[in-house]
Amino acid sequence: MLKKAEPFMVTIDPDPEKQPKEFNSHPGQEFNYVLEGSMMLNIDGHEIILNEGDSIYFDSGYKHMMKPLNNKQVRFLAIVL
């Protein structure tokens, strides 16, 4: 059976040394659901703020990067399709 989705639990620290430094892109689509905290999601130059309980579904072929807000850790479920 071929898997159609890859789920990830993602935690990003507010520490700038531990945050992603580069944009990411990969084939497919991505669904993110924020479990704890808030984050800024930049997709192809467009900034979107997501808070606890918010979700987003997007084409993961676009360059994207996540950054925690309010100097607090953010945890979210990412499902790549």
Protein backbone atom coordinates (compact mmCIF):
# COMPACT_ATOMS: atom_id res chain seq x y z
CA MET A 1 0.00 0.00 0.00
CA LEU A 2 1.37 3.40 -1.00
CA LYS A 3 1.25 6.11 1.69
CA LYS A 4 -0.54 9.26 0.58
CA ALA A 5 0.19 11.42 3.63
CA GLU A 6 3.14 11.97 5.94
CA PRO A 7 2.23 13.44 9.35
CA PHE A 8 4.79 15.35 11.45
CA MET A 9 4.65 16.92 14.91
CA VAL A 10 6.72 20.11 14.59
CA THR A 11 8.09 22.20 17.46
CA ILE A 12 9.90 25.48 16.82
CA ASP A 13 11.72 27.24 19.65
CA PRO A 14 11.67 31.03 19.97
CA ASP A 15 15.49 30.87 20.14
CA PRO A 16 16.73 32.41 16.84
CA GLU A 17 19.65 29.94 16.82
CA LYS A 18 17.20 27.01 16.64
CA GLN A 19 14.76 28.47 14.09
CA PRO A 20 14.77 27.56 10.40
CA LYS A 21 17.05 29.92 8.49
CA GLU A 22 15.92 29.09 4.96
CA PHE A 23 12.72 28.64 3.04
CA ASN A 24 11.59 25.12 2.28
CA SER A 25 9.65 23.72 -0.67
CA HIS A 26 8.70 20.20 -1.69
CA PRO A 27 6.26 18.53 -4.07
CA GLY A 28 2.66 18.10 -2.97
CA GLN A 29 0.39 19.85 -0.54
CA GLU A 30 0.62 20.60 3.16
CA PHE A 31 -1.88 20.96 5.98
CA ASN A 32 -0.78 22.64 9.24
CA TYR A 33 -2.81 22.75 12.48
CA VAL A 34 -1.46 24.87 15.37
CA LEU A 35 -1.66 23.00 18.68
CA GLU A 36 0.17 25.47 20.93
CA GLY A 37 1.39 29.04 20.50
CA SER A 38 1.31 31.34 17.47
CA MET A 39 3.39 31.47 14.33
CA MET A 40 4.00 33.52 11.26
CA LEU A 41 3.88 31.45 8.10
CA ASN A 42 5.47 32.95 5.00
CA ILE A 43 4.29 31.30 1.77
CA ASP A 44 5.83 32.66 -1.41
CA GLY A 45 6.27 36.12 0.16
CA HIS A 46 2.82 36.27 1.79
CA GLU A 47 2.80 36.42 5.60
CA ILE A 48 -0.03 34.73 7.49
CA ILE A 49 -0.44 34.67 11.28
CA LEU A 50 -1.76 31.43 12.75
CA ASN A 51 -2.83 31.08 16.38
CA GLU A 52 -3.68 28.05 18.49
CA GLY A 53 -6.55 26.18 16.81
CA ASP A 54 -5.94 27.73 13.36
CA SER A 55 -5.12 25.64 10.32
CA ILE A 56 -4.00 26.15 6.74
CA TYR A 57 -3.79 24.03 3.59
CA PHE A 58 -1.40 25.09 0.81
CA ASP A 59 0.67 24.01 -2.19
CA SER A 60 3.99 23.03 -0.61
CA GLY A 61 5.79 23.60 -3.93
CA TYR A 62 5.79 27.30 -2.97
CA LYS A 63 8.71 28.40 -0.80
CA HIS A 64 7.56 28.53 2.82
CA MET A 65 8.93 29.07 6.32
CA MET A 66 7.45 29.16 9.82
CA LYS A 67 8.52 31.40 12.73
CA PRO A 68 7.20 31.32 16.32
CA LEU A 69 5.70 34.55 17.68
CA ASN A 70 5.54 36.27 21.09
CA ASN A 71 8.89 34.79 22.11
CA LYS A 72 7.16 31.44 22.81
CA GLN A 73 7.51 27.95 21.40
CA VAL A 74 5.02 26.87 18.74
CA ARG A 75 3.85 23.29 18.17
CA PHE A 76 1.85 22.25 15.13
CA LEU A 77 0.77 19.18 13.25
CA ALA A 78 2.00 19.17 9.65
CA ILE A 79 0.57 16.67 7.18
CA VAL A 80 2.31 16.50 3.80
CA LEU A 81 0.28 15.00 0.97
